[in-house]
Amino acid sequence: MTRKPMKRTTKTRTAITVITLLSLVGLSACSASGANGNSAEQRSVTLLAYDAFTPQEGIFEPFTADTGIEVKIVTGGDTGTLVSKAILTAGNPEADVLWGVDNTFLARVQEADVLDTIEAVDTGDVCINIHDDYFENAGLRPPSSLADLIDPAYKSMLVVQDPRTSSPGLAFLLATIATFGESGWRDYWTQLRTNGVKVVSDWTTAYTVEFSGSTGKGSRPLVVSYGSSPPAEVLYSDPPVAEPPTSVMESSCFRQIEYVGRLKGTQRPHEADKLIEFLLGKTFQESMPLTLFVFPVNESAELPEVFEKFAVQPSNPLTIDADAIAANRELWIEQWADSAL
């Protein structure tokens, strides 16, 4: 799920060692050393996550104080890149815990048998976001369904991400398949192309450059983003605003579930399990809505007011079985390219 919206700044992390994937060879050697490593190495655990994993500053300090285990974070690439990396290093992993496999990649990870354990850690939804003022000023009713998007009234208003390179782009493709079925989704994309849909490589370009409702001040008032983007608009708006300038088309939302698991072959299974326990605990789960912009799975975790007020979590989101995604993902993407480009 490479998808955390509206992160504008990079924060210094005091209790976290951030390591790029380029340095993973050294980490792998440390993992392989097992009991031969020094005591400091034995009391650390490495978490492999996508680039947009931006936890709250200092969030792991209580964990380290309680357990004596230092948390190291390795980031690099999107979810697909991380899954490929985990498969290539299966049995001799370059980290101990993998964060961020989502339901669009779950079956691939399970088939490759790279994880000893796997737990759902958060949920979220990829949805069409709407720039409300644009439609109000134009005197035009905003679209309320995916079918509306092929209406000429909304010509050249929608920007989406390429499913070959973007997690939300893939989720939106799956939303159209779930809505229109095997017999109709390709024709739908052909009609979207005729109606002027713009395809860009990533979420950042779509939301912050092409979309008219955020910082990019682009020309398109409809964008594929997240159900959690409106509260992010309130949090990061400059000057401050009390209400988000955007809303969410709930009927378009495709549910994403993210998972965390212990990598098979880790030399630090105890430390890995302790970290996973912390990631699923109330402290970390309550920190996620305003840093990762996702919903916690821990039922005891409370949501911050701005998230509870403005984030959208539809009761009946679009879904596709993980096995069906795994069996058809590559074919669907090839067919999408034929229909949409």
C-alpha atoms as a PDB file:
ATOM      1  CA  MET A   1       0.000   0.000   0.000  1.00  0.00           C
ATOM      2  CA  THR A   2       2.328   2.752  -0.975  1.00  0.00           C
ATOM      3  CA  ARG A   3       0.001   5.462  -0.258  1.00  0.00           C
ATOM      4  CA  LYS A   4       0.302   7.782   2.724  1.00  0.00           C
ATOM      5  CA  PRO A   5      -1.120  11.135   1.594  1.00  0.00           C
ATOM      6  CA  MET A   6      -0.059  14.668   2.314  1.00  0.00           C
ATOM      7  CA  LYS A   7       3.273  14.033   4.043  1.00  0.00           C
ATOM      8  CA  ARG A   8       4.974  17.396   3.481  1.00  0.00           C
ATOM      9  CA  THR A   9       8.086  17.254   5.622  1.00  0.00           C
ATOM     10  CA  THR A  10      10.743  14.804   6.700  1.00  0.00           C
ATOM     11  CA  LYS A  11      11.084  14.519  10.461  1.00  0.00           C
ATOM     12  CA  THR A  12      14.262  13.677  12.326  1.00  0.00           C
ATOM     13  CA  ARG A  13      13.857  10.415  14.175  1.00  0.00           C
ATOM     14  CA  THR A  14      15.758  10.260  17.449  1.00  0.00           C
ATOM     15  CA  ALA A  15      15.231   6.618  18.363  1.00  0.00           C
ATOM     16  CA  ILE A  16      15.178   5.127  14.902  1.00  0.00           C
ATOM     17  CA  THR A  17      18.070   4.266  12.661  1.00  0.00           C
ATOM     18  CA  VAL A  18      16.995   4.755   9.057  1.00  0.00           C
ATOM     19  CA  ILE A  19      18.966   2.733   6.544  1.00  0.00           C
ATOM     20  CA  THR A  20      18.612   2.736   2.768  1.00  0.00           C
ATOM     21  CA  LEU A  21      18.305  -0.465   0.821  1.00  0.00           C
ATOM     22  CA  LEU A  22      21.759   0.177  -0.591  1.00  0.00           C
ATOM     23  CA  SER A  23      23.250  -0.722   2.793  1.00  0.00           C
ATOM     24  CA  LEU A  24      21.374  -3.981   3.200  1.00  0.00           C
ATOM     25  CA  VAL A  25      24.339  -6.168   2.311  1.00  0.00           C
ATOM     26  CA  GLY A  26      25.930  -5.245   5.609  1.00  0.00           C
ATOM     27  CA  LEU A  27      22.696  -5.877   7.472  1.00  0.00           C
ATOM     28  CA  SER A  28      22.376  -9.303   5.891  1.00  0.00           C
ATOM     29  CA  ALA A  29      25.848 -10.209   7.077  1.00  0.00           C
ATOM     30  CA  CYS A  30      24.930  -9.145  10.603  1.00  0.00           C
ATOM     31  CA  SER A  31      21.773 -11.258  10.512  1.00  0.00           C
ATOM     32  CA  ALA A  32      23.714 -14.275   9.301  1.00  0.00           C
ATOM     33  CA  SER A  33      26.237 -13.966  12.114  1.00  0.00           C
ATOM     34  CA  GLY A  34      23.613 -15.042  14.654  1.00  0.00           C
ATOM     35  CA  ALA A  35      25.128 -15.701  18.052  1.00  0.00           C
ATOM     36  CA  ASN A  36      28.546 -14.558  16.859  1.00  0.00           C
ATOM     37  CA  GLY A  37      27.401 -10.899  16.776  1.00  0.00           C
ATOM     38  CA  ASN A  38      28.061  -8.541  19.638  1.00  0.00           C
ATOM     39  CA  SER A  39      25.476  -7.828  22.323  1.00  0.00           C
ATOM     40  CA  ALA A  40      24.373  -4.524  20.761  1.00  0.00           C
ATOM     41  CA  GLU A  41      23.564  -6.247  17.480  1.00  0.00           C
ATOM     42  CA  GLN A  42      21.669  -8.961  19.311  1.00  0.00           C
ATOM     43  CA  ARG A  43      19.376  -6.368  20.879  1.00  0.00           C
ATOM     44  CA  SER A  44      18.245  -4.754  17.657  1.00  0.00           C
ATOM     45  CA  VAL A  45      15.521  -5.560  15.171  1.00  0.00           C
ATOM     46  CA  THR A  46      15.238  -4.359  11.582  1.00  0.00           C
ATOM     47  CA  LEU A  47      11.923  -3.409   9.993  1.00  0.00           C
ATOM     48  CA  LEU A  48      11.668  -3.359   6.192  1.00  0.00           C
ATOM     49  CA  ALA A  49       8.989  -0.957   4.917  1.00  0.00           C
ATOM     50  CA  TYR A  50       8.014   1.099   1.872  1.00  0.00           C
ATOM     51  CA  ASP A  51       9.312   4.653   1.378  1.00  0.00           C
ATOM     52  CA  ALA A  52       6.160   6.283   2.748  1.00  0.00           C
ATOM     53  CA  PHE A  53       6.448   4.574   6.138  1.00  0.00           C
ATOM     54  CA  THR A  54       6.727   7.673   8.336  1.00  0.00           C
ATOM     55  CA  PRO A  55       5.954   6.756  11.948  1.00  0.00           C
ATOM     56  CA  GLN A  56       5.541   9.324  14.693  1.00  0.00           C
ATOM     57  CA  GLU A  57       8.805  10.811  15.903  1.00  0.00           C
ATOM     58  CA  GLY A  58      10.028   8.944  18.971  1.00  0.00           C
ATOM     59  CA  ILE A  59       7.296   6.301  18.799  1.00  0.00           C
ATOM     60  CA  PHE A  60       9.751   3.440  19.350  1.00  0.00           C
ATOM     61  CA  GLU A  61      11.464   4.980  22.373  1.00  0.00           C
ATOM     62  CA  PRO A  62       9.071   3.358  24.902  1.00  0.00           C
ATOM     63  CA  PHE A  63       9.534   0.018  23.144  1.00  0.00           C
ATOM     64  CA  THR A  64      13.329   0.275  23.393  1.00  0.00           C
ATOM     65  CA  ALA A  65      13.137   1.406  27.012  1.00  0.00           C
ATOM     66  CA  ASP A  66      10.890  -1.525  27.902  1.00  0.00           C
ATOM     67  CA  THR A  67      12.658  -4.281  25.954  1.00  0.00           C
ATOM     68  CA  GLY A  68      16.205  -3.034  25.391  1.00  0.00           C
ATOM     69  CA  ILE A  69      15.689  -3.646  21.649  1.00  0.00           C
ATOM     70  CA  GLU A  70      16.657  -0.887  19.213  1.00  0.00           C
ATOM     71  CA  VAL A  71      14.444  -0.543  16.129  1.00  0.00           C
ATOM     72  CA  LYS A  72      16.149  -0.039  12.788  1.00  0.00           C
ATOM     73  CA  ILE A  73      14.039   0.904   9.774  1.00  0.00           C
ATOM     74  CA  VAL A  74      14.980   0.041   6.209  1.00  0.00           C
ATOM     75  CA  THR A  75      12.947   1.854   3.559  1.00  0.00           C
ATOM     76  CA  GLY A  76      13.073   1.643  -0.184  1.00  0.00           C
ATOM     77  CA  GLY A  77      10.587   1.441  -3.026  1.00  0.00           C
ATOM     78  CA  ASP A  78       6.894   0.757  -3.083  1.00  0.00           C
ATOM     79  CA  THR A  79       5.043  -2.336  -1.904  1.00  0.00           C
ATOM     80  CA  GLY A  80       5.791  -4.269  -5.077  1.00  0.00           C
ATOM     81  CA  THR A  81       9.506  -3.595  -4.765  1.00  0.00           C
ATOM     82  CA  LEU A  82       9.549  -4.751  -1.146  1.00  0.00           C
ATOM     83  CA  VAL A  83       7.688  -7.945  -1.970  1.00  0.00           C
ATOM     84  CA  SER A  84      10.133  -8.718  -4.785  1.00  0.00           C
ATOM     85  CA  LYS A  85      13.068  -8.028  -2.446  1.00  0.00           C
ATOM     86  CA  ALA A  86      11.629 -10.317   0.219  1.00  0.00           C
ATOM     87  CA  ILE A  87      11.136 -13.109  -2.312  1.00  0.00           C
ATOM     88  CA  LEU A  88      14.674 -12.751  -3.709  1.00  0.00           C
ATOM     89  CA  THR A  89      16.159 -12.994  -0.192  1.00  0.00           C
ATOM     90  CA  ALA A  90      13.768 -15.668   1.099  1.00  0.00           C
ATOM     91  CA  GLY A  91      15.331 -17.727   3.901  1.00  0.00           C
ATOM     92  CA  ASN A  92      18.213 -15.288   4.321  1.00  0.00           C
ATOM     93  CA  PRO A  93      16.385 -11.999   4.850  1.00  0.00           C
ATOM     94  CA  GLU A  94      17.997  -8.594   5.034  1.00  0.00           C
ATOM     95  CA  ALA A  95      15.585  -7.546   7.770  1.00  0.00           C
ATOM     96  CA  ASP A  96      13.579  -9.229  10.508  1.00  0.00           C
ATOM     97  CA  VAL A  97      10.065  -7.818  10.062  1.00  0.00           C
ATOM     98  CA  LEU A  98       8.254  -6.861   6.860  1.00  0.00           C
ATOM     99  CA  TRP A  99       5.720  -4.006   6.999  1.00  0.00           C
ATOM    100  CA  GLY A 100       3.266  -3.041   4.306  1.00  0.00           C
ATOM    101  CA  VAL A 101       2.292  -6.086   2.264  1.00  0.00           C
ATOM    102  CA  ASP A 102      -1.300  -5.352   1.280  1.00  0.00           C
ATOM    103  CA  ASN A 103      -4.134  -7.525   0.032  1.00  0.00           C
ATOM    104  CA  THR A 104      -3.191  -6.896  -3.604  1.00  0.00           C
ATOM    105  CA  PHE A 105       0.130  -8.687  -2.979  1.00  0.00           C
ATOM    106  CA  LEU A 106      -0.835 -11.027  -0.127  1.00  0.00           C
ATOM    107  CA  ALA A 107      -1.241 -14.218  -2.149  1.00  0.00           C
ATOM    108  CA  ARG A 108       2.126 -13.660  -3.860  1.00  0.00           C
ATOM    109  CA  VAL A 109       3.871 -13.453  -0.483  1.00  0.00           C
ATOM    110  CA  GLN A 110       2.049 -16.512   0.821  1.00  0.00           C
ATOM    111  CA  GLU A 111       2.932 -18.555  -2.263  1.00  0.00           C
ATOM    112  CA  ALA A 112       6.607 -17.590  -1.925  1.00  0.00           C
ATOM    113  CA  ASP A 113       6.566 -18.624   1.776  1.00  0.00           C
ATOM    114  CA  VAL A 114       8.717 -15.707   2.927  1.00  0.00           C
ATOM    115  CA  LEU A 115       6.936 -15.033   6.221  1.00  0.00           C
ATOM    116  CA  ASP A 116       6.725 -17.170   9.349  1.00  0.00           C
ATOM    117  CA  THR A 117       3.863 -15.057  10.712  1.00  0.00           C
ATOM    118  CA  ILE A 118       1.483 -12.526   9.221  1.00  0.00           C
ATOM    119  CA  GLU A 119      -0.983 -10.174  10.914  1.00  0.00           C
ATOM    120  CA  ALA A 120      -3.304  -7.455   9.599  1.00  0.00           C
ATOM    121  CA  VAL A 121      -1.965  -4.156  10.946  1.00  0.00           C
ATOM    122  CA  ASP A 122      -4.142  -1.436   9.398  1.00  0.00           C
ATOM    123  CA  THR A 123      -6.866  -0.767   6.859  1.00  0.00           C
ATOM    124  CA  GLY A 124      -7.641   2.028   4.448  1.00  0.00           C
ATOM    125  CA  ASP A 125      -9.498   2.742   1.231  1.00  0.00           C
ATOM    126  CA  VAL A 126      -8.458   4.000  -2.187  1.00  0.00           C
ATOM    127  CA  CYS A 127     -11.233   6.302  -3.412  1.00  0.00           C
ATOM    128  CA  ILE A 128     -12.002   9.074  -5.863  1.00  0.00           C
ATOM    129  CA  ASN A 129     -11.430  12.442  -4.147  1.00  0.00           C
ATOM    130  CA  ILE A 130     -13.482  15.439  -5.258  1.00  0.00           C
ATOM    131  CA  HIS A 131     -12.546  19.144  -5.216  1.00  0.00           C
ATOM    132  CA  ASP A 132     -15.857  20.458  -3.904  1.00  0.00           C
ATOM    133  CA  ASP A 133     -15.371  24.169  -4.647  1.00  0.00           C
ATOM    134  CA  TYR A 134     -14.643  23.421  -8.314  1.00  0.00           C
ATOM    135  CA  PHE A 135     -18.043  21.851  -8.827  1.00  0.00           C
ATOM    136  CA  GLU A 136     -19.874  24.417  -6.733  1.00  0.00           C
ATOM    137  CA  ASN A 137     -18.323  27.268  -8.700  1.00  0.00           C
ATOM    138  CA  ALA A 138     -19.102  25.508 -11.977  1.00  0.00           C
ATOM    139  CA  GLY A 139     -22.711  24.864 -10.954  1.00  0.00           C
ATOM    140  CA  LEU A 140     -22.190  21.170 -11.700  1.00  0.00           C
ATOM    141  CA  ARG A 141     -23.204  18.202  -9.588  1.00  0.00           C
ATOM    142  CA  PRO A 142     -20.093  16.185  -8.697  1.00  0.00           C
ATOM    143  CA  PRO A 143     -20.046  12.559  -9.850  1.00  0.00           C
ATOM    144  CA  SER A 144     -21.364  10.021  -7.349  1.00  0.00           C
ATOM    145  CA  SER A 145     -20.451   6.737  -9.034  1.00  0.00           C
ATOM    146  CA  LEU A 146     -17.759   5.235 -11.225  1.00  0.00           C
ATOM    147  CA  ALA A 147     -20.291   5.076 -14.045  1.00  0.00           C
ATOM    148  CA  ASP A 148     -20.672   8.873 -13.876  1.00  0.00           C
ATOM    149  CA  LEU A 149     -17.009   9.336 -14.784  1.00  0.00           C
ATOM    150  CA  ILE A 150     -17.602   8.427 -18.427  1.00  0.00           C
ATOM    151  CA  ASP A 151     -20.290  11.109 -18.756  1.00  0.00           C
ATOM    152  CA  PRO A 152     -19.121  13.892 -21.132  1.00  0.00           C
ATOM    153  CA  ALA A 153     -20.080  16.383 -18.400  1.00  0.00           C
ATOM    154  CA  TYR A 154     -16.903  15.255 -16.590  1.00  0.00           C
ATOM    155  CA  LYS A 155     -14.610  15.160 -19.611  1.00  0.00           C
ATOM    156  CA  SER A 156     -10.906  15.705 -18.806  1.00  0.00           C
ATOM    157  CA  MET A 157     -11.585  16.052 -15.062  1.00  0.00           C
ATOM    158  CA  LEU A 158     -10.117  12.794 -13.737  1.00  0.00           C
ATOM    159  CA  VAL A 159      -6.460  11.970 -13.020  1.00  0.00           C
ATOM    160  CA  VAL A 160      -5.439   8.446 -11.990  1.00  0.00           C
ATOM    161  CA  GLN A 161      -2.219   6.556 -11.311  1.00  0.00           C
ATOM    162  CA  ASP A 162      -0.682   3.893 -13.531  1.00  0.00           C
ATOM    163  CA  PRO A 163      -1.385   0.452 -11.983  1.00  0.00           C
ATOM    164  CA  ARG A 164       1.932  -0.801 -13.340  1.00  0.00           C
ATOM    165  CA  THR A 165       3.843   1.573 -11.055  1.00  0.00           C
ATOM    166  CA  SER A 166       1.426   2.685  -8.345  1.00  0.00           C
ATOM    167  CA  SER A 167      -0.349   0.900  -5.488  1.00  0.00           C
ATOM    168  CA  PRO A 168      -3.388   3.245  -5.506  1.00  0.00           C
ATOM    169  CA  GLY A 169      -3.434   2.976  -9.291  1.00  0.00           C
ATOM    170  CA  LEU A 170      -3.687  -0.806  -9.013  1.00  0.00           C
ATOM    171  CA  ALA A 171      -6.360  -0.510  -6.322  1.00  0.00           C
ATOM    172  CA  PHE A 172      -8.437   1.778  -8.570  1.00  0.00           C
ATOM    173  CA  LEU A 173      -8.084  -0.676 -11.460  1.00  0.00           C
ATOM    174  CA  LEU A 174      -9.362  -3.414  -9.135  1.00  0.00           C
ATOM    175  CA  ALA A 175     -12.245  -1.157  -8.095  1.00  0.00           C
ATOM    176  CA  THR A 176     -13.351  -0.909 -11.721  1.00  0.00           C
ATOM    177  CA  ILE A 177     -13.084  -4.686 -12.164  1.00  0.00           C
ATOM    178  CA  ALA A 178     -15.107  -5.262  -8.992  1.00  0.00           C
ATOM    179  CA  THR A 179     -17.757  -2.808 -10.219  1.00  0.00           C
ATOM    180  CA  PHE A 180     -18.108  -3.698 -13.892  1.00  0.00           C
ATOM    181  CA  GLY A 181     -17.004  -7.338 -13.891  1.00  0.00           C
ATOM    182  CA  GLU A 182     -14.908  -9.305 -16.332  1.00  0.00           C
ATOM    183  CA  SER A 183     -17.292  -8.540 -19.166  1.00  0.00           C
ATOM    184  CA  GLY A 184     -17.388  -4.782 -18.751  1.00  0.00           C
ATOM    185  CA  TRP A 185     -14.336  -3.248 -17.127  1.00  0.00           C
ATOM    186  CA  ARG A 186     -12.164  -3.047 -20.241  1.00  0.00           C
ATOM    187  CA  ASP A 187     -14.885  -1.219 -22.180  1.00  0.00           C
ATOM    188  CA  TYR A 188     -15.257   1.102 -19.195  1.00  0.00           C
ATOM    189  CA  TRP A 189     -11.570   2.033 -19.395  1.00  0.00           C
ATOM    190  CA  THR A 190     -11.846   2.625 -23.130  1.00  0.00           C
ATOM    191  CA  GLN A 191     -14.669   5.064 -22.387  1.00  0.00           C
ATOM    192  CA  LEU A 192     -12.622   6.720 -19.636  1.00  0.00           C
ATOM    193  CA  ARG A 193      -9.833   7.254 -22.163  1.00  0.00           C
ATOM    194  CA  THR A 194     -12.307   8.746 -24.638  1.00  0.00           C
ATOM    195  CA  ASN A 195     -13.546  11.019 -21.855  1.00  0.00           C
ATOM    196  CA  GLY A 196     -10.066  12.419 -21.228  1.00  0.00           C
ATOM    197  CA  VAL A 197      -8.771  10.524 -18.182  1.00  0.00           C
ATOM    198  CA  LYS A 198      -5.132  11.387 -17.457  1.00  0.00           C
ATOM    199  CA  VAL A 199      -2.783   8.620 -16.301  1.00  0.00           C
ATOM    200  CA  VAL A 200       0.352   9.573 -14.343  1.00  0.00           C
ATOM    201  CA  SER A 201       3.025   7.417 -12.765  1.00  0.00           C
ATOM    202  CA  ASP A 202       2.435   8.001  -9.044  1.00  0.00           C
ATOM    203  CA  TRP A 203       0.209   9.401  -6.306  1.00  0.00           C
ATOM    204  CA  THR A 204       2.385  12.468  -5.694  1.00  0.00           C
ATOM    205  CA  THR A 205       2.098  13.645  -9.283  1.00  0.00           C
ATOM    206  CA  ALA A 206      -1.625  12.978  -9.406  1.00  0.00           C
ATOM    207  CA  TYR A 207      -2.554  14.601  -6.106  1.00  0.00           C
ATOM    208  CA  THR A 208      -0.070  17.415  -5.599  1.00  0.00           C
ATOM    209  CA  VAL A 209       0.436  18.480  -9.232  1.00  0.00           C
ATOM    210  CA  GLU A 210      -2.567  17.554 -11.401  1.00  0.00           C
ATOM    211  CA  PHE A 211      -5.381  17.743  -8.839  1.00  0.00           C
ATOM    212  CA  SER A 212      -7.017  21.156  -8.354  1.00  0.00           C
ATOM    213  CA  GLY A 213      -8.065  20.556  -4.750  1.00  0.00           C
ATOM    214  CA  SER A 214      -4.667  20.509  -3.025  1.00  0.00           C
ATOM    215  CA  THR A 215      -1.228  22.117  -3.180  1.00  0.00           C
ATOM    216  CA  GLY A 216      -0.620  21.492  -6.854  1.00  0.00           C
ATOM    217  CA  LYS A 217      -3.529  23.680  -7.971  1.00  0.00           C
ATOM    218  CA  GLY A 218      -3.777  21.661 -11.128  1.00  0.00           C
ATOM    219  CA  SER A 219      -6.664  21.633 -13.565  1.00  0.00           C
ATOM    220  CA  ARG A 220      -8.384  18.344 -12.638  1.00  0.00           C
ATOM    221  CA  PRO A 221     -10.979  18.273  -9.848  1.00  0.00           C
ATOM    222  CA  LEU A 222     -11.166  14.451  -9.571  1.00  0.00           C
ATOM    223  CA  VAL A 223      -8.277  12.262  -8.426  1.00  0.00           C
ATOM    224  CA  VAL A 224      -7.620   8.744  -7.173  1.00  0.00           C
ATOM    225  CA  SER A 225      -6.453   9.125  -3.581  1.00  0.00           C
ATOM    226  CA  TYR A 226      -7.606   7.869  -0.166  1.00  0.00           C
ATOM    227  CA  GLY A 227     -10.540   7.998   2.171  1.00  0.00           C
ATOM    228  CA  SER A 228      -8.105   9.564   4.644  1.00  0.00           C
ATOM    229  CA  SER A 229      -7.011  12.449   2.410  1.00  0.00           C
ATOM    230  CA  PRO A 230      -9.604  15.008   3.638  1.00  0.00           C
ATOM    231  CA  PRO A 231      -8.321  15.069   7.254  1.00  0.00           C
ATOM    232  CA  ALA A 232      -4.787  15.403   5.910  1.00  0.00           C
ATOM    233  CA  GLU A 233      -5.919  18.512   4.024  1.00  0.00           C
ATOM    234  CA  VAL A 234      -7.132  20.012   7.304  1.00  0.00           C
ATOM    235  CA  LEU A 235      -3.965  19.083   9.199  1.00  0.00           C
ATOM    236  CA  TYR A 236      -1.503  20.421   6.624  1.00  0.00           C
ATOM    237  CA  SER A 237      -3.402  23.378   5.182  1.00  0.00           C
ATOM    238  CA  ASP A 238      -1.549  26.694   5.192  1.00  0.00           C
ATOM    239  CA  PRO A 239      -3.314  28.900   6.072  1.00  0.00           C
ATOM    240  CA  PRO A 240      -5.322  26.661   8.411  1.00  0.00           C
ATOM    241  CA  VAL A 241      -8.844  25.566   7.469  1.00  0.00           C
ATOM    242  CA  ALA A 242     -11.632  24.142   9.600  1.00  0.00           C
ATOM    243  CA  GLU A 243     -13.125  22.039   6.812  1.00  0.00           C
ATOM    244  CA  PRO A 244     -11.348  20.094   4.055  1.00  0.00           C
ATOM    245  CA  PRO A 245     -11.725  21.436   0.509  1.00  0.00           C
ATOM    246  CA  THR A 246     -12.232  17.870  -0.700  1.00  0.00           C
ATOM    247  CA  SER A 247     -14.692  15.021  -0.257  1.00  0.00           C
ATOM    248  CA  VAL A 248     -14.735  11.314  -1.086  1.00  0.00           C
ATOM    249  CA  MET A 249     -16.862   9.321  -3.523  1.00  0.00           C
ATOM    250  CA  GLU A 250     -17.719   6.462  -1.172  1.00  0.00           C
ATOM    251  CA  SER A 251     -19.078   4.182  -3.897  1.00  0.00           C
ATOM    252  CA  SER A 252     -15.616   4.151  -5.543  1.00  0.00           C
ATOM    253  CA  CYS A 253     -13.656   3.003  -2.474  1.00  0.00           C
ATOM    254  CA  PHE A 254     -11.549  -0.165  -2.708  1.00  0.00           C
ATOM    255  CA  ARG A 255     -10.485  -1.614   0.626  1.00  0.00           C
ATOM    256  CA  GLN A 256      -6.769  -2.064   1.273  1.00  0.00           C
ATOM    257  CA  ILE A 257      -5.546  -4.143   4.206  1.00  0.00           C
ATOM    258  CA  GLU A 258      -1.891  -3.919   5.212  1.00  0.00           C
ATOM    259  CA  TYR A 259      -0.025  -6.711   6.940  1.00  0.00           C
ATOM    260  CA  VAL A 260       3.092  -7.107   9.055  1.00  0.00           C
ATOM    261  CA  GLY A 261       5.032 -10.323   9.506  1.00  0.00           C
ATOM    262  CA  ARG A 262       8.231 -11.982  10.685  1.00  0.00           C
ATOM    263  CA  LEU A 263      10.538 -12.785   7.791  1.00  0.00           C
ATOM    264  CA  LYS A 264      11.440 -16.441   7.482  1.00  0.00           C
ATOM    265  CA  GLY A 265      15.090 -17.101   8.335  1.00  0.00           C
ATOM    266  CA  THR A 266      15.590 -14.136  10.657  1.00  0.00           C
ATOM    267  CA  GLN A 267      18.237 -14.639  13.323  1.00  0.00           C
ATOM    268  CA  ARG A 268      16.194 -12.492  15.709  1.00  0.00           C
ATOM    269  CA  PRO A 269      12.781 -14.172  15.944  1.00  0.00           C
ATOM    270  CA  HIS A 270      12.245 -13.124  19.568  1.00  0.00           C
ATOM    271  CA  GLU A 271      13.008  -9.474  18.822  1.00  0.00           C
ATOM    272  CA  ALA A 272      10.865  -9.615  15.683  1.00  0.00           C
ATOM    273  CA  ASP A 273       7.875 -10.978  17.583  1.00  0.00           C
ATOM    274  CA  LYS A 274       8.266  -8.318  20.264  1.00  0.00           C
ATOM    275  CA  LEU A 275       8.255  -5.575  17.615  1.00  0.00           C
ATOM    276  CA  ILE A 276       5.176  -7.003  15.898  1.00  0.00           C
ATOM    277  CA  GLU A 277       3.434  -7.126  19.272  1.00  0.00           C
ATOM    278  CA  PHE A 278       4.242  -3.432  19.739  1.00  0.00           C
ATOM    279  CA  LEU A 279       3.058  -2.519  16.228  1.00  0.00           C
ATOM    280  CA  LEU A 280      -0.292  -4.135  16.997  1.00  0.00           C
ATOM    281  CA  GLY A 281      -0.513  -2.546  20.445  1.00  0.00           C
ATOM    282  CA  LYS A 282      -2.595   0.458  21.424  1.00  0.00           C
ATOM    283  CA  THR A 283       0.285   2.967  21.558  1.00  0.00           C
ATOM    284  CA  PHE A 284       1.460   2.444  17.994  1.00  0.00           C
ATOM    285  CA  GLN A 285      -2.014   1.835  16.589  1.00  0.00           C
ATOM    286  CA  GLU A 286      -3.244   5.167  17.942  1.00  0.00           C
ATOM    287  CA  SER A 287      -0.293   6.953  16.333  1.00  0.00           C
ATOM    288  CA  MET A 288      -1.050   5.723  12.792  1.00  0.00           C
ATOM    289  CA  PRO A 289      -4.047   7.827  11.709  1.00  0.00           C
ATOM    290  CA  LEU A 290      -2.146  11.137  11.788  1.00  0.00           C
ATOM    291  CA  THR A 291       1.203   9.782  10.548  1.00  0.00           C
ATOM    292  CA  LEU A 292       0.378   6.958   8.143  1.00  0.00           C
ATOM    293  CA  PHE A 293      -3.231   8.032   7.497  1.00  0.00           C
ATOM    294  CA  VAL A 294      -4.700   4.572   7.959  1.00  0.00           C
ATOM    295  CA  PHE A 295      -7.233   3.031  10.333  1.00  0.00           C
ATOM    296  CA  PRO A 296      -5.958   0.873  13.207  1.00  0.00           C
ATOM    297  CA  VAL A 297      -7.023  -2.769  13.502  1.00  0.00           C
ATOM    298  CA  ASN A 298      -6.708  -2.717  17.300  1.00  0.00           C
ATOM    299  CA  GLU A 299     -10.278  -2.205  18.478  1.00  0.00           C
ATOM    300  CA  SER A 300      -9.119  -0.464  21.665  1.00  0.00           C
ATOM    301  CA  ALA A 301      -7.282   2.256  19.702  1.00  0.00           C
ATOM    302  CA  GLU A 302      -9.080   5.603  19.652  1.00  0.00           C
ATOM    303  CA  LEU A 303      -9.175   7.816  16.571  1.00  0.00           C
ATOM    304  CA  PRO A 304      -8.138  11.489  16.726  1.00  0.00           C
ATOM    305  CA  GLU A 305     -11.035  13.907  16.306  1.00  0.00           C
ATOM    306  CA  VAL A 306      -9.979  15.288  12.905  1.00  0.00           C
ATOM    307  CA  PHE A 307      -9.613  11.769  11.524  1.00  0.00           C
ATOM    308  CA  GLU A 308     -12.905  10.575  12.961  1.00  0.00           C
ATOM    309  CA  LYS A 309     -14.683  13.663  11.632  1.00  0.00           C
ATOM    310  CA  PHE A 310     -13.339  13.814   8.087  1.00  0.00           C
ATOM    311  CA  ALA A 311     -11.872  10.421   7.095  1.00  0.00           C
ATOM    312  CA  VAL A 312     -14.109   8.048   5.153  1.00  0.00           C
ATOM    313  CA  GLN A 313     -14.320   4.347   5.942  1.00  0.00           C
ATOM    314  CA  PRO A 314     -17.214   2.917   3.905  1.00  0.00           C
ATOM    315  CA  SER A 315     -19.220   0.093   5.419  1.00  0.00           C
ATOM    316  CA  ASN A 316     -19.365  -1.793   2.098  1.00  0.00           C
ATOM    317  CA  PRO A 317     -16.104  -1.127   0.230  1.00  0.00           C
ATOM    318  CA  LEU A 318     -15.252  -2.764  -3.058  1.00  0.00           C
ATOM    319  CA  THR A 319     -13.085  -5.879  -2.695  1.00  0.00           C
ATOM    320  CA  ILE A 320     -11.650  -8.734  -4.755  1.00  0.00           C
ATOM    321  CA  ASP A 321     -10.418 -12.018  -3.289  1.00  0.00           C
ATOM    322  CA  ALA A 322      -6.629 -12.060  -2.809  1.00  0.00           C
ATOM    323  CA  ASP A 323      -6.286 -15.348  -4.720  1.00  0.00           C
ATOM    324  CA  ALA A 324      -8.165 -13.897  -7.681  1.00  0.00           C
ATOM    325  CA  ILE A 325      -5.877 -10.856  -7.651  1.00  0.00           C
ATOM    326  CA  ALA A 326      -2.792 -13.074  -7.574  1.00  0.00           C
ATOM    327  CA  ALA A 327      -4.051 -15.239 -10.438  1.00  0.00           C
ATOM    328  CA  ASN A 328      -5.063 -12.367 -12.703  1.00  0.00           C
ATOM    329  CA  ARG A 329      -2.987  -9.310 -11.737  1.00  0.00           C
ATOM    330  CA  GLU A 330      -0.516  -9.425 -14.623  1.00  0.00           C
ATOM    331  CA  LEU A 331      -3.190 -10.219 -17.205  1.00  0.00           C
ATOM    332  CA  TRP A 332      -5.451  -7.470 -15.929  1.00  0.00           C
ATOM    333  CA  ILE A 333      -2.632  -4.944 -16.095  1.00  0.00           C
ATOM    334  CA  GLU A 334      -1.790  -5.945 -19.674  1.00  0.00           C
ATOM    335  CA  GLN A 335      -5.448  -5.668 -20.644  1.00  0.00           C
ATOM    336  CA  TRP A 336      -5.682  -2.307 -18.874  1.00  0.00           C
ATOM    337  CA  ALA A 337      -2.792  -0.943 -20.944  1.00  0.00           C
ATOM    338  CA  ASP A 338      -4.559  -1.999 -24.134  1.00  0.00           C
ATOM    339  CA  SER A 339      -7.782  -0.296 -23.058  1.00  0.00           C
ATOM    340  CA  ALA A 340      -6.590   2.823 -21.233  1.00  0.00           C
ATOM    341  CA  LEU A 341      -3.461   3.985 -23.053  1.00  0.00           C
END
